[in-house]
C-alpha cells in the first residue's frame, strides 16, 4: 500500500486545519501509525486533497504563513513540523537533498520563492512518504505560483466544443416605425 501522503495527495502529510481547507481539503482521517498524536490515541491526522497542486499549495502556504514556521530557523521549524519525531534524521535527510541548506536557513518568503523552496518541499515530502512523491515538476511550480499569486481557487477550465443549448426564439411584436420613419413616409407620399 502507498504511504498516506501519496494516497491522499498531501506531500507534507499535514494535519487538517484552516490552511488545508483553504486549499481544498474537505476530509481528513486518523492514521494508525502508533504515535498516539492524533487525539484520543488514534494516531496522527492527515488532510485529504483531490490533486497534487492543492496539496502542495497547502504545504507551502502553511510553511510560509503559520507562526510555528514562518521566518524560523530550519532546525527549529522542522522540529515543530515533525512533532519532535526523529528530528535529527529529518534534518539530515533534507540537507542532503537541498544544496546550501543548513540548520540556520531562515524559512522566509525569499527562501520559498527560490528554487530551493521547491527542493525543500520535495525533500520534506520524500521524508514523510519514505520515497519520492509522484507529483510532476509542473505541479510543484504551479503550486508555488498559485501560493504567491494568492490564487486559491483553480482556474476555470473551458471545455472545447461545448454542447449548445437549444433555446427557442423569442417572439416579438413587429416594430413600429420610429419618428423619422414617419416623417420620411409623409414626404414620400404622392399628392
C-alpha atoms as a PDB file:
ATOM      1  CA  UNK A   1       0.000   0.000   0.000  1.00  0.00           C
ATOM      2  CA  UNK A   2       1.215   3.516  -0.832  1.00  0.00           C
ATOM      3  CA  UNK A   3       2.091   5.860   2.056  1.00  0.00           C
ATOM      4  CA  UNK A   4      -0.780   8.064   3.257  1.00  0.00           C
ATOM      5  CA  UNK A   5       0.861  11.250   1.990  1.00  0.00           C
ATOM      6  CA  UNK A   6       0.777   9.770  -1.536  1.00  0.00           C
ATOM      7  CA  UNK A   7      -2.679   8.170  -1.250  1.00  0.00           C
ATOM      8  CA  UNK A   8      -4.166  11.463  -0.063  1.00  0.00           C
ATOM      9  CA  UNK A   9      -2.109  13.803  -2.288  1.00  0.00           C
ATOM     10  CA  UNK A  10      -0.773  15.527   0.825  1.00  0.00           C
ATOM     11  CA  UNK A  11       3.002  15.714   0.269  1.00  0.00           C
ATOM     12  CA  UNK A  12       3.727  17.336   3.643  1.00  0.00           C
ATOM     13  CA  UNK A  13       1.487  14.846   5.470  1.00  0.00           C
ATOM     14  CA  UNK A  14      -0.119  17.886   7.088  1.00  0.00           C
ATOM     15  CA  UNK A  15      -2.950  17.739   9.545  1.00  0.00           C
ATOM     16  CA  UNK A  16      -6.393  19.155   8.744  1.00  0.00           C
ATOM     17  CA  UNK A  17      -6.917  22.806   9.571  1.00  0.00           C
ATOM     18  CA  UNK A  18      -7.662  26.217   8.122  1.00  0.00           C
ATOM     19  CA  UNK A  19      -4.817  26.124   5.601  1.00  0.00           C
ATOM     20  CA  UNK A  20      -5.716  22.649   4.342  1.00  0.00           C
ATOM     21  CA  UNK A  21      -9.353  23.736   3.989  1.00  0.00           C
ATOM     22  CA  UNK A  22      -8.306  26.956   2.214  1.00  0.00           C
ATOM     23  CA  UNK A  23      -6.585  24.858  -0.475  1.00  0.00           C
ATOM     24  CA  UNK A  24      -9.447  22.413  -1.000  1.00  0.00           C
ATOM     25  CA  UNK A  25      -9.238  19.709   1.669  1.00  0.00           C
ATOM     26  CA  UNK A  26     -12.752  18.699   2.641  1.00  0.00           C
ATOM     27  CA  UNK A  27     -11.920  15.495   4.550  1.00  0.00           C
ATOM     28  CA  UNK A  28      -9.308  14.002   6.820  1.00  0.00           C
ATOM     29  CA  UNK A  29      -8.649  10.711   8.595  1.00  0.00           C
ATOM     30  CA  UNK A  30      -6.724   9.363  11.566  1.00  0.00           C
ATOM     31  CA  UNK A  31      -3.610   7.375  10.742  1.00  0.00           C
ATOM     32  CA  UNK A  32      -2.897   4.235  12.707  1.00  0.00           C
ATOM     33  CA  UNK A  33       0.819   4.883  12.953  1.00  0.00           C
ATOM     34  CA  UNK A  34       1.302   4.173  16.651  1.00  0.00           C
ATOM     35  CA  UNK A  35       2.495   7.664  17.601  1.00  0.00           C
ATOM     36  CA  UNK A  36      -0.569   8.486  19.676  1.00  0.00           C
ATOM     37  CA  UNK A  37      -0.535  12.057  18.367  1.00  0.00           C
ATOM     38  CA  UNK A  38      -3.999  12.088  16.832  1.00  0.00           C
ATOM     39  CA  UNK A  39      -6.285  12.831  19.753  1.00  0.00           C
ATOM     40  CA  UNK A  40      -7.856  10.076  21.823  1.00  0.00           C
ATOM     41  CA  UNK A  41      -4.818   7.941  20.910  1.00  0.00           C
ATOM     42  CA  UNK A  42      -5.985   7.289  17.349  1.00  0.00           C
ATOM     43  CA  UNK A  43      -2.683   8.328  15.732  1.00  0.00           C
ATOM     44  CA  UNK A  44      -1.745  11.226  13.513  1.00  0.00           C
ATOM     45  CA  UNK A  45      -4.321  13.004  11.372  1.00  0.00           C
ATOM     46  CA  UNK A  46      -3.873  13.714   7.684  1.00  0.00           C
ATOM     47  CA  UNK A  47      -5.801  16.088   5.408  1.00  0.00           C
ATOM     48  CA  UNK A  48      -7.040  14.689   2.093  1.00  0.00           C
ATOM     49  CA  UNK A  49      -6.646  16.605  -1.188  1.00  0.00           C
ATOM     50  CA  UNK A  50      -8.149  15.935  -4.624  1.00  0.00           C
ATOM     51  CA  UNK A  51      -4.964  16.730  -6.564  1.00  0.00           C
ATOM     52  CA  UNK A  52      -1.237  17.320  -6.092  1.00  0.00           C
ATOM     53  CA  UNK A  53      -1.291  21.049  -6.799  1.00  0.00           C
ATOM     54  CA  UNK A  54      -3.777  21.730  -3.984  1.00  0.00           C
ATOM     55  CA  UNK A  55      -1.806  19.545  -1.571  1.00  0.00           C
ATOM     56  CA  UNK A  56       1.468  21.258  -2.454  1.00  0.00           C
ATOM     57  CA  UNK A  57      -0.169  24.699  -2.171  1.00  0.00           C
ATOM     58  CA  UNK A  58      -1.359  23.846   1.333  1.00  0.00           C
ATOM     59  CA  UNK A  59       2.075  22.507   2.300  1.00  0.00           C
ATOM     60  CA  UNK A  60       3.847  25.652   1.085  1.00  0.00           C
ATOM     61  CA  UNK A  61       1.237  28.072   2.421  1.00  0.00           C
ATOM     62  CA  UNK A  62       1.379  26.523   5.887  1.00  0.00           C
ATOM     63  CA  UNK A  63       5.175  26.759   5.962  1.00  0.00           C
ATOM     64  CA  UNK A  64       5.197  30.390   4.896  1.00  0.00           C
ATOM     65  CA  UNK A  65       2.253  31.734   6.942  1.00  0.00           C
ATOM     66  CA  UNK A  66       1.973  29.765  10.190  1.00  0.00           C
ATOM     67  CA  UNK A  67       3.619  31.452  13.196  1.00  0.00           C
ATOM     68  CA  UNK A  68       5.007  27.998  14.034  1.00  0.00           C
ATOM     69  CA  UNK A  69       7.241  28.017  10.926  1.00  0.00           C
ATOM     70  CA  UNK A  70       7.282  31.454   9.291  1.00  0.00           C
ATOM     71  CA  UNK A  71      10.704  33.140   9.425  1.00  0.00           C
ATOM     72  CA  UNK A  72      12.059  30.427  11.756  1.00  0.00           C
ATOM     73  CA  UNK A  73      15.366  28.624  11.554  1.00  0.00           C
ATOM     74  CA  UNK A  74      15.036  25.375   9.617  1.00  0.00           C
ATOM     75  CA  UNK A  75      16.099  23.226  12.597  1.00  0.00           C
ATOM     76  CA  UNK A  76      13.511  24.841  14.875  1.00  0.00           C
ATOM     77  CA  UNK A  77      10.705  24.740  12.299  1.00  0.00           C
ATOM     78  CA  UNK A  78      11.246  21.107  11.308  1.00  0.00           C
ATOM     79  CA  UNK A  79      11.283  20.056  14.968  1.00  0.00           C
ATOM     80  CA  UNK A  80       7.787  21.533  15.316  1.00  0.00           C
ATOM     81  CA  UNK A  81       6.569  20.110  11.977  1.00  0.00           C
ATOM     82  CA  UNK A  82       7.746  16.604  12.874  1.00  0.00           C
ATOM     83  CA  UNK A  83       6.309  16.722  16.378  1.00  0.00           C
ATOM     84  CA  UNK A  84       9.815  16.005  17.646  1.00  0.00           C
ATOM     85  CA  UNK A  85       9.845  12.594  15.917  1.00  0.00           C
ATOM     86  CA  UNK A  86      13.304  11.735  14.552  1.00  0.00           C
ATOM     87  CA  UNK A  87      14.226  15.410  14.108  1.00  0.00           C
ATOM     88  CA  UNK A  88      17.991  14.831  13.573  1.00  0.00           C
ATOM     89  CA  UNK A  89      17.362  12.292  10.788  1.00  0.00           C
ATOM     90  CA  UNK A  90      14.734  14.604   9.236  1.00  0.00           C
ATOM     91  CA  UNK A  91      17.253  17.478   9.184  1.00  0.00           C
ATOM     92  CA  UNK A  92      19.963  15.260   7.677  1.00  0.00           C
ATOM     93  CA  UNK A  93      17.593  13.931   5.012  1.00  0.00           C
ATOM     94  CA  UNK A  94      16.578  17.428   3.873  1.00  0.00           C
ATOM     95  CA  UNK A  95      20.113  18.857   3.985  1.00  0.00           C
ATOM     96  CA  UNK A  96      21.347  16.023   1.752  1.00  0.00           C
ATOM     97  CA  UNK A  97      18.774  16.996  -0.901  1.00  0.00           C
ATOM     98  CA  UNK A  98      18.734  20.804  -0.790  1.00  0.00           C
ATOM     99  CA  UNK A  99      22.020  22.479  -1.777  1.00  0.00           C
ATOM    100  CA  UNK A 100      23.197  25.045   0.765  1.00  0.00           C
ATOM    101  CA  UNK A 101      20.504  24.173   3.314  1.00  0.00           C
ATOM    102  CA  UNK A 102      21.648  24.109   6.919  1.00  0.00           C
ATOM    103  CA  UNK A 103      20.101  24.249  10.374  1.00  0.00           C
ATOM    104  CA  UNK A 104      20.218  28.063  10.326  1.00  0.00           C
ATOM    105  CA  UNK A 105      18.465  28.575   6.983  1.00  0.00           C
ATOM    106  CA  UNK A 106      15.610  31.020   7.595  1.00  0.00           C
ATOM    107  CA  UNK A 107      12.260  29.806   6.265  1.00  0.00           C
ATOM    108  CA  UNK A 108      11.088  33.152   4.825  1.00  0.00           C
ATOM    109  CA  UNK A 109       9.449  34.239   1.558  1.00  0.00           C
ATOM    110  CA  UNK A 110      12.816  34.760  -0.144  1.00  0.00           C
ATOM    111  CA  UNK A 111      13.578  31.086   0.542  1.00  0.00           C
ATOM    112  CA  UNK A 112      10.105  29.905  -0.548  1.00  0.00           C
ATOM    113  CA  UNK A 113      10.251  31.859  -3.826  1.00  0.00           C
ATOM    114  CA  UNK A 114      13.646  30.357  -4.690  1.00  0.00           C
ATOM    115  CA  UNK A 115      14.335  27.043  -6.466  1.00  0.00           C
ATOM    116  CA  UNK A 116      15.487  25.714  -3.087  1.00  0.00           C
ATOM    117  CA  UNK A 117      11.980  26.316  -1.741  1.00  0.00           C
ATOM    118  CA  UNK A 118      10.630  23.700  -4.149  1.00  0.00           C
ATOM    119  CA  UNK A 119      13.603  21.404  -3.483  1.00  0.00           C
ATOM    120  CA  UNK A 120      12.850  21.643   0.222  1.00  0.00           C
ATOM    121  CA  UNK A 121       9.155  20.795  -0.290  1.00  0.00           C
ATOM    122  CA  UNK A 122      10.127  17.776  -2.408  1.00  0.00           C
ATOM    123  CA  UNK A 123      12.697  16.634   0.163  1.00  0.00           C
ATOM    124  CA  UNK A 124      10.245  17.065   3.004  1.00  0.00           C
ATOM    125  CA  UNK A 125       7.581  15.096   1.144  1.00  0.00           C
ATOM    126  CA  UNK A 126      10.100  12.347   0.386  1.00  0.00           C
ATOM    127  CA  UNK A 127      10.915  12.064   4.085  1.00  0.00           C
ATOM    128  CA  UNK A 128       7.229  11.975   5.023  1.00  0.00           C
ATOM    129  CA  UNK A 129       6.424   9.275   2.431  1.00  0.00           C
ATOM    130  CA  UNK A 130       9.647   7.301   2.655  1.00  0.00           C
ATOM    131  CA  UNK A 131      10.050   7.761  -1.104  1.00  0.00           C
ATOM    132  CA  UNK A 132       9.687  10.414  -3.801  1.00  0.00           C
ATOM    133  CA  UNK A 133       6.212  11.863  -4.291  1.00  0.00           C
ATOM    134  CA  UNK A 134       4.942  11.138  -7.835  1.00  0.00           C
ATOM    135  CA  UNK A 135       3.756  14.725  -8.419  1.00  0.00           C
ATOM    136  CA  UNK A 136       5.187  16.056 -11.696  1.00  0.00           C
ATOM    137  CA  UNK A 137       7.623  19.004 -11.603  1.00  0.00           C
ATOM    138  CA  UNK A 138       4.985  21.201 -13.260  1.00  0.00           C
ATOM    139  CA  UNK A 139       2.693  20.716 -10.238  1.00  0.00           C
ATOM    140  CA  UNK A 140       5.352  21.964  -7.805  1.00  0.00           C
ATOM    141  CA  UNK A 141       5.991  25.038  -9.959  1.00  0.00           C
ATOM    142  CA  UNK A 142       2.259  25.706 -10.430  1.00  0.00           C
ATOM    143  CA  UNK A 143       1.684  25.451  -6.671  1.00  0.00           C
ATOM    144  CA  UNK A 144       4.500  27.915  -5.953  1.00  0.00           C
ATOM    145  CA  UNK A 145       2.998  30.372  -8.475  1.00  0.00           C
ATOM    146  CA  UNK A 146      -0.526  29.982  -7.071  1.00  0.00           C
ATOM    147  CA  UNK A 147       0.525  30.490  -3.462  1.00  0.00           C
ATOM    148  CA  UNK A 148       2.485  33.652  -4.197  1.00  0.00           C
ATOM    149  CA  UNK A 149      -0.235  34.967  -6.512  1.00  0.00           C
ATOM    150  CA  UNK A 150      -2.874  34.285  -3.868  1.00  0.00           C
ATOM    151  CA  UNK A 151      -4.844  32.173  -6.349  1.00  0.00           C
ATOM    152  CA  UNK A 152      -6.779  29.906  -4.037  1.00  0.00           C
ATOM    153  CA  UNK A 153      -9.342  28.624  -6.497  1.00  0.00           C
ATOM    154  CA  UNK A 154      -8.085  26.698  -9.500  1.00  0.00           C
ATOM    155  CA  UNK A 155      -8.525  28.477 -12.809  1.00  0.00           C
ATOM    156  CA  UNK A 156     -11.817  27.975 -14.649  1.00  0.00           C
ATOM    157  CA  UNK A 157     -11.497  25.291 -17.288  1.00  0.00           C
ATOM    158  CA  UNK A 158     -13.265  25.960 -20.563  1.00  0.00           C
ATOM    159  CA  UNK A 159     -14.144  22.755 -22.352  1.00  0.00           C
ATOM    160  CA  UNK A 160     -13.543  22.622 -26.101  1.00  0.00           C
ATOM    161  CA  UNK A 161     -16.618  22.455 -28.312  1.00  0.00           C
ATOM    162  CA  UNK A 162     -19.278  22.844 -25.623  1.00  0.00           C
ATOM    163  CA  UNK A 163     -22.692  21.398 -26.432  1.00  0.00           C
ATOM    164  CA  UNK A 164     -25.059  24.179 -27.478  1.00  0.00           C
ATOM    165  CA  UNK A 165     -28.282  24.611 -25.571  1.00  0.00           C
ATOM    166  CA  UNK A 166     -31.497  24.679 -27.612  1.00  0.00           C
ATOM    167  CA  UNK A 167     -33.219  27.978 -26.879  1.00  0.00           C
ATOM    168  CA  UNK A 168     -36.494  28.700 -28.675  1.00  0.00           C
ATOM    169  CA  UNK A 169     -36.599  32.044 -30.469  1.00  0.00           C
ATOM    170  CA  UNK A 170     -38.239  34.900 -28.605  1.00  0.00           C
ATOM    171  CA  UNK A 171     -41.458  36.111 -30.242  1.00  0.00           C
ATOM    172  CA  UNK A 172     -41.665  39.877 -30.530  1.00  0.00           C
ATOM    173  CA  UNK A 173     -44.266  42.251 -31.890  1.00  0.00           C
ATOM    174  CA  UNK A 174     -43.478  43.816 -35.256  1.00  0.00           C
ATOM    175  CA  UNK A 175     -41.532  47.011 -34.896  1.00  0.00           C
ATOM    176  CA  UNK A 176     -43.490  50.251 -35.166  1.00  0.00           C
ATOM    177  CA  UNK A 177     -41.994  52.917 -37.342  1.00  0.00           C
ATOM    178  CA  UNK A 178     -39.990  55.470 -35.424  1.00  0.00           C
ATOM    179  CA  UNK A 179     -40.356  59.261 -35.565  1.00  0.00           C
ATOM    180  CA  UNK A 180     -38.033  59.787 -38.531  1.00  0.00           C
ATOM    181  CA  UNK A 181     -39.501  56.876 -40.431  1.00  0.00           C
ATOM    182  CA  UNK A 182     -42.948  58.536 -40.071  1.00  0.00           C
ATOM    183  CA  UNK A 183     -41.581  61.881 -41.327  1.00  0.00           C
ATOM    184  CA  UNK A 184     -39.908  60.283 -44.322  1.00  0.00           C
ATOM    185  CA  UNK A 185     -43.115  58.397 -45.108  1.00  0.00           C
ATOM    186  CA  UNK A 186     -45.022  61.711 -45.269  1.00  0.00           C
ATOM    187  CA  UNK A 187     -42.590  63.161 -47.824  1.00  0.00           C
ATOM    188  CA  UNK A 188     -42.663  60.022 -49.922  1.00  0.00           C
ATOM    189  CA  UNK A 189     -46.437  60.274 -50.405  1.00  0.00           C
ATOM    190  CA  UNK A 190     -47.651  61.417 -53.748  1.00  0.00           C
ATOM    191  CA  UNK A 191     -50.036  64.420 -53.776  1.00  0.00           C
END
